[in-house]
Full PDB file with SEQRES, HELIX, SHEET, SSBOND, CRYST1, ORIGX, SCALE, CONECT and MASTER records, all heavy atoms in Angstrom:
SEQRES   1 A   30  VAL ILE ILE THR VAL PHE LEU TYR SER LEU LEU PRO ILE          
SEQRES   2 A   30  VAL LYS ASN THR TYR ALA GLY VAL LYS ASN VAL ASP HIS          
SEQRES   3 A   30  ALA LEU LEU ASP                                              
HELIX    1 AA1 ILE A    2  LYS A   22  1                                  21    
HELIX    2 AA2 HIS A   26  LEU A   29  1                                   4    
CRYST1    1.000    1.000    1.000  90.00  90.00  90.00 P 1           1          
ORIGX1      1.000000  0.000000  0.000000        0.00000                         
ORIGX2      0.000000  1.000000  0.000000        0.00000                         
ORIGX3      0.000000  0.000000  1.000000        0.00000                         
SCALE1      1.000000  0.000000  0.000000        0.00000                         
SCALE2      0.000000  1.000000  0.000000        0.00000                         
SCALE3      0.000000  0.000000  1.000000        0.00000                         
ATOM      1  N   VAL A   1      21.810   4.981 -12.131  1.00  0.00           N  
ATOM      2  CA  VAL A   1      21.610   3.696 -12.814  1.00  0.00           C  
ATOM      3  C   VAL A   1      21.097   2.653 -11.828  1.00  0.00           C  
ATOM      4  O   VAL A   1      20.227   1.839 -12.167  1.00  0.00           O  
ATOM      5  CB  VAL A   1      22.917   3.224 -13.482  1.00  0.00           C  
ATOM      6  CG1 VAL A   1      22.683   1.920 -14.238  1.00  0.00           C  
ATOM      7  CG2 VAL A   1      23.433   4.285 -14.440  1.00  0.00           C  
ATOM      8  N   ILE A   2      21.605   2.659 -10.608  1.00  0.00           N  
ATOM      9  CA  ILE A   2      21.127   1.715  -9.598  1.00  0.00           C  
ATOM     10  C   ILE A   2      19.640   1.932  -9.323  1.00  0.00           C  
ATOM     11  O   ILE A   2      18.865   0.972  -9.214  1.00  0.00           O  
ATOM     12  CB  ILE A   2      21.952   1.846  -8.297  1.00  0.00           C  
ATOM     13  CG1 ILE A   2      23.381   1.341  -8.522  1.00  0.00           C  
ATOM     14  CG2 ILE A   2      21.296   1.064  -7.155  1.00  0.00           C  
ATOM     15  CD1 ILE A   2      24.316   1.568  -7.351  1.00  0.00           C  
ATOM     16  N   ILE A   3      19.230   3.190  -9.238  1.00  0.00           N  
ATOM     17  CA  ILE A   3      17.808   3.495  -9.024  1.00  0.00           C  
ATOM     18  C   ILE A   3      16.978   3.016 -10.209  1.00  0.00           C  
ATOM     19  O   ILE A   3      15.875   2.469 -10.044  1.00  0.00           O  
ATOM     20  CB  ILE A   3      17.607   5.007  -8.786  1.00  0.00           C  
ATOM     21  CG1 ILE A   3      18.296   5.429  -7.488  1.00  0.00           C  
ATOM     22  CG2 ILE A   3      16.122   5.358  -8.733  1.00  0.00           C  
ATOM     23  CD1 ILE A   3      18.381   6.937  -7.298  1.00  0.00           C  
ATOM     24  N   THR A   4      17.501   3.201 -11.422  1.00  0.00           N  
ATOM     25  CA  THR A   4      16.798   2.734 -12.622  1.00  0.00           C  
ATOM     26  C   THR A   4      16.642   1.223 -12.605  1.00  0.00           C  
ATOM     27  O   THR A   4      15.557   0.686 -12.872  1.00  0.00           O  
ATOM     28  CB  THR A   4      17.557   3.167 -13.892  1.00  0.00           C  
ATOM     29  OG1 THR A   4      17.713   4.586 -13.891  1.00  0.00           O  
ATOM     30  CG2 THR A   4      16.805   2.747 -15.141  1.00  0.00           C  
ATOM     31  N   VAL A   5      17.728   0.522 -12.293  1.00  0.00           N  
ATOM     32  CA  VAL A   5      17.674  -0.945 -12.200  1.00  0.00           C  
ATOM     33  C   VAL A   5      16.674  -1.363 -11.119  1.00  0.00           C  
ATOM     34  O   VAL A   5      15.890  -2.312 -11.301  1.00  0.00           O  
ATOM     35  CB  VAL A   5      19.073  -1.510 -11.898  1.00  0.00           C  
ATOM     36  CG1 VAL A   5      18.992  -2.998 -11.546  1.00  0.00           C  
ATOM     37  CG2 VAL A   5      20.002  -1.297 -13.090  1.00  0.00           C  
ATOM     38  N   PHE A   6      16.701  -0.661 -10.003  1.00  0.00           N  
ATOM     39  CA  PHE A   6      15.764  -0.925  -8.907  1.00  0.00           C  
ATOM     40  C   PHE A   6      14.320  -0.864  -9.412  1.00  0.00           C  
ATOM     41  O   PHE A   6      13.509  -1.767  -9.154  1.00  0.00           O  
ATOM     42  CB  PHE A   6      16.002   0.094  -7.795  1.00  0.00           C  
ATOM     43  CG  PHE A   6      14.903   0.183  -6.769  1.00  0.00           C  
ATOM     44  CD1 PHE A   6      14.856  -0.705  -5.710  1.00  0.00           C  
ATOM     45  CD2 PHE A   6      13.913   1.151  -6.867  1.00  0.00           C  
ATOM     46  CE1 PHE A   6      13.839  -0.631  -4.765  1.00  0.00           C  
ATOM     47  CE2 PHE A   6      12.901   1.237  -5.934  1.00  0.00           C  
ATOM     48  CZ  PHE A   6      12.856   0.336  -4.873  1.00  0.00           C  
ATOM     49  N   LEU A   7      13.987   0.189 -10.142  1.00  0.00           N  
ATOM     50  CA  LEU A   7      12.614   0.369 -10.619  1.00  0.00           C  
ATOM     51  C   LEU A   7      12.219  -0.715 -11.620  1.00  0.00           C  
ATOM     52  O   LEU A   7      11.091  -1.241 -11.558  1.00  0.00           O  
ATOM     53  CB  LEU A   7      12.458   1.761 -11.244  1.00  0.00           C  
ATOM     54  CG  LEU A   7      12.551   2.940 -10.268  1.00  0.00           C  
ATOM     55  CD1 LEU A   7      12.562   4.262 -11.024  1.00  0.00           C  
ATOM     56  CD2 LEU A   7      11.400   2.913  -9.271  1.00  0.00           C  
ATOM     57  N   TYR A   8      13.136  -1.056 -12.531  1.00  0.00           N  
ATOM     58  CA  TYR A   8      12.818  -2.086 -13.523  1.00  0.00           C  
ATOM     59  C   TYR A   8      12.747  -3.479 -12.909  1.00  0.00           C  
ATOM     60  O   TYR A   8      12.120  -4.382 -13.479  1.00  0.00           O  
ATOM     61  CB  TYR A   8      13.854  -2.078 -14.649  1.00  0.00           C  
ATOM     62  CG  TYR A   8      13.603  -1.022 -15.697  1.00  0.00           C  
ATOM     63  CD1 TYR A   8      14.460   0.060 -15.844  1.00  0.00           C  
ATOM     64  CD2 TYR A   8      12.501  -1.099 -16.538  1.00  0.00           C  
ATOM     65  CE1 TYR A   8      14.233   1.043 -16.792  1.00  0.00           C  
ATOM     66  CE2 TYR A   8      12.261  -0.125 -17.490  1.00  0.00           C  
ATOM     67  CZ  TYR A   8      13.126   0.944 -17.618  1.00  0.00           C  
ATOM     68  OH  TYR A   8      12.894   1.924 -18.558  1.00  0.00           O  
ATOM     69  N   SER A   9      13.379  -3.675 -11.762  1.00  0.00           N  
ATOM     70  CA  SER A   9      13.391  -5.000 -11.126  1.00  0.00           C  
ATOM     71  C   SER A   9      12.150  -5.246 -10.278  1.00  0.00           C  
ATOM     72  O   SER A   9      11.884  -6.397  -9.899  1.00  0.00           O  
ATOM     73  CB  SER A   9      14.642  -5.152 -10.248  1.00  0.00           C  
ATOM     74  OG  SER A   9      15.817  -5.023 -11.016  1.00  0.00           O  
ATOM     75  N   LEU A  10      11.408  -4.202  -9.967  1.00  0.00           N  
ATOM     76  CA  LEU A  10      10.253  -4.365  -9.084  1.00  0.00           C  
ATOM     77  C   LEU A  10       9.201  -5.304  -9.662  1.00  0.00           C  
ATOM     78  O   LEU A  10       8.689  -6.181  -8.962  1.00  0.00           O  
ATOM     79  CB  LEU A  10       9.619  -2.997  -8.797  1.00  0.00           C  
ATOM     80  CG  LEU A  10      10.414  -2.054  -7.895  1.00  0.00           C  
ATOM     81  CD1 LEU A  10       9.711  -0.701  -7.810  1.00  0.00           C  
ATOM     82  CD2 LEU A  10      10.599  -2.639  -6.509  1.00  0.00           C  
ATOM     83  N   LEU A  11       8.876  -5.128 -10.954  1.00  0.00           N  
ATOM     84  CA  LEU A  11       7.777  -5.893 -11.552  1.00  0.00           C  
ATOM     85  C   LEU A  11       8.012  -7.401 -11.494  1.00  0.00           C  
ATOM     86  O   LEU A  11       7.156  -8.128 -10.965  1.00  0.00           O  
ATOM     87  CB  LEU A  11       7.514  -5.437 -12.986  1.00  0.00           C  
ATOM     88  CG  LEU A  11       6.415  -6.225 -13.718  1.00  0.00           C  
ATOM     89  CD1 LEU A  11       5.072  -6.032 -13.037  1.00  0.00           C  
ATOM     90  CD2 LEU A  11       6.329  -5.797 -15.180  1.00  0.00           C  
ATOM     91  N   PRO A  12       9.117  -7.936 -12.033  1.00  0.00           N  
ATOM     92  CA  PRO A  12       9.262  -9.395 -12.004  1.00  0.00           C  
ATOM     93  C   PRO A  12       9.324  -9.970 -10.595  1.00  0.00           C  
ATOM     94  O   PRO A  12       8.809 -11.064 -10.345  1.00  0.00           O  
ATOM     95  CB  PRO A  12      10.569  -9.643 -12.765  1.00  0.00           C  
ATOM     96  CG  PRO A  12      11.292  -8.340 -12.761  1.00  0.00           C  
ATOM     97  CD  PRO A  12      10.243  -7.293 -12.735  1.00  0.00           C  
ATOM     98  N   ILE A  13       9.914  -9.231  -9.657  1.00  0.00           N  
ATOM     99  CA  ILE A  13      10.033  -9.761  -8.296  1.00  0.00           C  
ATOM    100  C   ILE A  13       8.681  -9.731  -7.591  1.00  0.00           C  
ATOM    101  O   ILE A  13       8.287 -10.706  -6.929  1.00  0.00           O  
ATOM    102  CB  ILE A  13      11.105  -8.995  -7.499  1.00  0.00           C  
ATOM    103  CG1 ILE A  13      12.467  -9.119  -8.182  1.00  0.00           C  
ATOM    104  CG2 ILE A  13      11.199  -9.541  -6.079  1.00  0.00           C  
ATOM    105  CD1 ILE A  13      13.568  -8.292  -7.549  1.00  0.00           C  
ATOM    106  N   VAL A  14       7.950  -8.613  -7.719  1.00  0.00           N  
ATOM    107  CA  VAL A  14       6.623  -8.522  -7.102  1.00  0.00           C  
ATOM    108  C   VAL A  14       5.694  -9.583  -7.676  1.00  0.00           C  
ATOM    109  O   VAL A  14       5.004 -10.300  -6.928  1.00  0.00           O  
ATOM    110  CB  VAL A  14       6.014  -7.114  -7.303  1.00  0.00           C  
ATOM    111  CG1 VAL A  14       4.529  -7.104  -6.953  1.00  0.00           C  
ATOM    112  CG2 VAL A  14       6.736  -6.097  -6.438  1.00  0.00           C  
ATOM    113  N   LYS A  15       5.649  -9.700  -9.000  1.00  0.00           N  
ATOM    114  CA  LYS A  15       4.737 -10.656  -9.639  1.00  0.00           C  
ATOM    115  C   LYS A  15       5.048 -12.091  -9.240  1.00  0.00           C  
ATOM    116  O   LYS A  15       4.150 -12.878  -8.948  1.00  0.00           O  
ATOM    117  CB  LYS A  15       4.794 -10.504 -11.165  1.00  0.00           C  
ATOM    118  CG  LYS A  15       4.083  -9.269 -11.684  1.00  0.00           C  
ATOM    119  CD  LYS A  15       4.139  -9.183 -13.201  1.00  0.00           C  
ATOM    120  CE  LYS A  15       3.265 -10.226 -13.849  1.00  0.00           C  
ATOM    121  NZ  LYS A  15       3.200 -10.031 -15.325  1.00  0.00           N  
ATOM    122  N   ASN A  16       6.328 -12.448  -9.234  1.00  0.00           N  
ATOM    123  CA  ASN A  16       6.681 -13.820  -8.903  1.00  0.00           C  
ATOM    124  C   ASN A  16       6.466 -14.124  -7.424  1.00  0.00           C  
ATOM    125  O   ASN A  16       6.067 -15.244  -7.066  1.00  0.00           O  
ATOM    126  CB  ASN A  16       8.138 -14.100  -9.297  1.00  0.00           C  
ATOM    127  CG  ASN A  16       8.284 -14.409 -10.769  1.00  0.00           C  
ATOM    128  OD1 ASN A  16       7.820 -13.646 -11.613  1.00  0.00           O  
ATOM    129  ND2 ASN A  16       8.903 -15.520 -11.101  1.00  0.00           N  
ATOM    130  N   THR A  17       6.749 -13.146  -6.572  1.00  0.00           N  
ATOM    131  CA  THR A  17       6.480 -13.350  -5.142  1.00  0.00           C  
ATOM    132  C   THR A  17       4.989 -13.544  -4.907  1.00  0.00           C  
ATOM    133  O   THR A  17       4.574 -14.461  -4.177  1.00  0.00           O  
ATOM    134  CB  THR A  17       6.992 -12.157  -4.324  1.00  0.00           C  
ATOM    135  OG1 THR A  17       8.385 -11.969  -4.559  1.00  0.00           O  
ATOM    136  CG2 THR A  17       6.759 -12.392  -2.827  1.00  0.00           C  
ATOM    137  N   TYR A  18       4.197 -12.699  -5.537  1.00  0.00           N  
ATOM    138  CA  TYR A  18       2.736 -12.818  -5.417  1.00  0.00           C  
ATOM    139  C   TYR A  18       2.255 -14.184  -5.899  1.00  0.00           C  
ATOM    140  O   TYR A  18       1.482 -14.868  -5.209  1.00  0.00           O  
ATOM    141  CB  TYR A  18       2.081 -11.700  -6.226  1.00  0.00           C  
ATOM    142  CG  TYR A  18       0.581 -11.806  -6.348  1.00  0.00           C  
ATOM    143  CD1 TYR A  18      -0.256 -11.504  -5.277  1.00  0.00           C  
ATOM    144  CD2 TYR A  18      -0.007 -12.211  -7.556  1.00  0.00           C  
ATOM    145  CE1 TYR A  18      -1.633 -11.595  -5.399  1.00  0.00           C  
ATOM    146  CE2 TYR A  18      -1.385 -12.313  -7.675  1.00  0.00           C  
ATOM    147  CZ  TYR A  18      -2.193 -11.998  -6.593  1.00  0.00           C  
ATOM    148  OH  TYR A  18      -3.554 -12.110  -6.711  1.00  0.00           O  
ATOM    149  N   ALA A  19       2.738 -14.593  -7.078  1.00  0.00           N  
ATOM    150  CA  ALA A  19       2.319 -15.883  -7.630  1.00  0.00           C  
ATOM    151  C   ALA A  19       2.777 -17.040  -6.746  1.00  0.00           C  
ATOM    152  O   ALA A  19       2.016 -17.991  -6.511  1.00  0.00           O  
ATOM    153  CB  ALA A  19       2.882 -16.050  -9.041  1.00  0.00           C  
ATOM    154  N   GLY A  20       4.015 -16.964  -6.255  1.00  0.00           N  
ATOM    155  CA  GLY A  20       4.532 -18.044  -5.419  1.00  0.00           C  
ATOM    156  C   GLY A  20       3.754 -18.201  -4.131  1.00  0.00           C  
ATOM    157  O   GLY A  20       3.422 -19.327  -3.724  1.00  0.00           O  
ATOM    158  N   VAL A  21       3.422 -17.094  -3.485  1.00  0.00           N  
ATOM    159  CA  VAL A  21       2.691 -17.152  -2.218  1.00  0.00           C  
ATOM    160  C   VAL A  21       1.249 -17.597  -2.443  1.00  0.00           C  
ATOM    161  O   VAL A  21       0.706 -18.404  -1.667  1.00  0.00           O  
ATOM    162  CB  VAL A  21       2.736 -15.785  -1.507  1.00  0.00           C  
ATOM    163  CG1 VAL A  21       1.881 -15.807  -0.239  1.00  0.00           C  
ATOM    164  CG2 VAL A  21       4.171 -15.416  -1.153  1.00  0.00           C  
ATOM    165  N   LYS A  22       0.617 -17.102  -3.494  1.00  0.00           N  
ATOM    166  CA  LYS A  22      -0.772 -17.472  -3.770  1.00  0.00           C  
ATOM    167  C   LYS A  22      -0.918 -18.957  -4.097  1.00  0.00           C  
ATOM    168  O   LYS A  22      -1.981 -19.541  -3.855  1.00  0.00           O  
ATOM    169  CB  LYS A  22      -1.316 -16.645  -4.946  1.00  0.00           C  
ATOM    170  CG  LYS A  22      -1.567 -15.190  -4.629  1.00  0.00           C  
ATOM    171  CD  LYS A  22      -2.686 -14.995  -3.621  1.00  0.00           C  
ATOM    172  CE  LYS A  22      -4.043 -15.217  -4.223  1.00  0.00           C  
ATOM    173  NZ  LYS A  22      -5.140 -14.913  -3.249  1.00  0.00           N  
ATOM    174  N   ASN A  23       0.147 -19.556  -4.631  1.00  0.00           N  
ATOM    175  CA  ASN A  23       0.072 -20.964  -5.032  1.00  0.00           C  
ATOM    176  C   ASN A  23       0.466 -21.935  -3.928  1.00  0.00           C  
ATOM    177  O   ASN A  23       0.505 -23.144  -4.154  1.00  0.00           O  
ATOM    178  CB  ASN A  23       0.960 -21.210  -6.262  1.00  0.00           C  
ATOM    179  CG  ASN A  23       0.372 -20.600  -7.521  1.00  0.00           C  
ATOM    180  OD1 ASN A  23      -0.850 -20.519  -7.662  1.00  0.00           O  
ATOM    181  ND2 ASN A  23       1.221 -20.153  -8.427  1.00  0.00           N  
ATOM    182  N   VAL A  24       0.784 -21.416  -2.747  1.00  0.00           N  
ATOM    183  CA  VAL A  24       1.076 -22.312  -1.625  1.00  0.00           C  
ATOM    184  C   VAL A  24      -0.192 -23.087  -1.268  1.00  0.00           C  
ATOM    185  O   VAL A  24      -1.287 -22.512  -1.183  1.00  0.00           O  
ATOM    186  CB  VAL A  24       1.583 -21.519  -0.398  1.00  0.00           C  
ATOM    187  CG1 VAL A  24       1.718 -22.422   0.823  1.00  0.00           C  
ATOM    188  CG2 VAL A  24       2.927 -20.870  -0.713  1.00  0.00           C  
ATOM    189  N   ASP A  25      -0.042 -24.380  -1.069  1.00  0.00           N  
ATOM    190  CA  ASP A  25      -1.180 -25.250  -0.757  1.00  0.00           C  
ATOM    191  C   ASP A  25      -1.858 -24.774   0.535  1.00  0.00           C  
ATOM    192  O   ASP A  25      -1.224 -24.692   1.586  1.00  0.00           O  
ATOM    193  CB  ASP A  25      -0.681 -26.686  -0.597  1.00  0.00           C  
ATOM    194  CG  ASP A  25      -1.819 -27.695  -0.544  1.00  0.00           C  
ATOM    195  OD1 ASP A  25      -2.970 -27.282  -0.307  1.00  0.00           O  
ATOM    196  OD2 ASP A  25      -1.557 -28.900  -0.722  1.00  0.00           O  
ATOM    197  N   HIS A  26      -3.164 -24.493   0.440  1.00  0.00           N  
ATOM    198  CA  HIS A  26      -3.897 -24.016   1.620  1.00  0.00           C  
ATOM    199  C   HIS A  26      -3.968 -25.080   2.705  1.00  0.00           C  
ATOM    200  O   HIS A  26      -4.116 -24.743   3.898  1.00  0.00           O  
ATOM    201  CB  HIS A  26      -5.305 -23.584   1.213  1.00  0.00           C  
ATOM    202  CG  HIS A  26      -5.339 -22.301   0.457  1.00  0.00           C  
ATOM    203  ND1 HIS A  26      -5.133 -21.072   1.055  1.00  0.00           N  
ATOM    204  CD2 HIS A  26      -5.523 -22.038  -0.869  1.00  0.00           C  
ATOM    205  CE1 HIS A  26      -5.215 -20.115   0.151  1.00  0.00           C  
ATOM    206  NE2 HIS A  26      -5.442 -20.667  -1.030  1.00  0.00           N  
ATOM    207  N   ALA A  27      -3.850 -26.343   2.326  1.00  0.00           N  
ATOM    208  CA  ALA A  27      -3.862 -27.403   3.342  1.00  0.00           C  
ATOM    209  C   ALA A  27      -2.667 -27.277   4.276  1.00  0.00           C  
ATOM    210  O   ALA A  27      -2.771 -27.545   5.482  1.00  0.00           O  
ATOM    211  CB  ALA A  27      -3.855 -28.775   2.665  1.00  0.00           C  
ATOM    212  N   LEU A  28      -1.525 -26.840   3.718  1.00  0.00           N  
ATOM    213  CA  LEU A  28      -0.343 -26.641   4.556  1.00  0.00           C  
ATOM    214  C   LEU A  28      -0.557 -25.480   5.522  1.00  0.00           C  
ATOM    215  O   LEU A  28      -0.150 -25.556   6.694  1.00  0.00           O  
ATOM    216  CB  LEU A  28       0.878 -26.370   3.671  1.00  0.00           C  
ATOM    217  CG  LEU A  28       1.342 -27.515   2.767  1.00  0.00           C  
ATOM    218  CD1 LEU A  28       2.472 -27.039   1.863  1.00  0.00           C  
ATOM    219  CD2 LEU A  28       1.813 -28.693   3.613  1.00  0.00           C  
ATOM    220  N   LEU A  29      -1.188 -24.411   5.043  1.00  0.00           N  
ATOM    221  CA  LEU A  29      -1.463 -23.274   5.911  1.00  0.00           C  
ATOM    222  C   LEU A  29      -2.461 -23.637   7.004  1.00  0.00           C  
ATOM    223  O   LEU A  29      -2.298 -23.237   8.167  1.00  0.00           O  
ATOM    224  CB  LEU A  29      -1.997 -22.098   5.083  1.00  0.00           C  
ATOM    225  CG  LEU A  29      -1.049 -21.546   4.017  1.00  0.00           C  
ATOM    226  CD1 LEU A  29      -1.745 -20.449   3.202  1.00  0.00           C  
ATOM    227  CD2 LEU A  29       0.218 -20.992   4.646  1.00  0.00           C  
ATOM    228  N   ASP A  30      -3.462 -24.431   6.641  1.00  0.00           N  
ATOM    229  CA  ASP A  30      -4.437 -24.871   7.639  1.00  0.00           C  
ATOM    230  C   ASP A  30      -3.771 -25.753   8.686  1.00  0.00           C  
ATOM    231  O   ASP A  30      -4.083 -25.663   9.886  1.00  0.00           O  
ATOM    232  CB  ASP A  30      -5.581 -25.632   6.968  1.00  0.00           C  
ATOM    233  CG  ASP A  30      -6.469 -24.727   6.121  1.00  0.00           C  
ATOM    234  OD1 ASP A  30      -6.463 -23.496   6.371  1.00  0.00           O  
ATOM    235  OD2 ASP A  30      -7.136 -25.237   5.197  1.00  0.00           O  
TER     236      ASP A  30                                                      
MASTER        0    0    0    2    0    0    0    6  235    1    0    3          
END                                                                             
């Protein structure tokens, strides 16, 4: 069950991490 939960949790965490990082202001990175 832990492995199943692990697999189902990947999508929302990956997508939100990707979206959060992509939306960081490039001026701050510069």
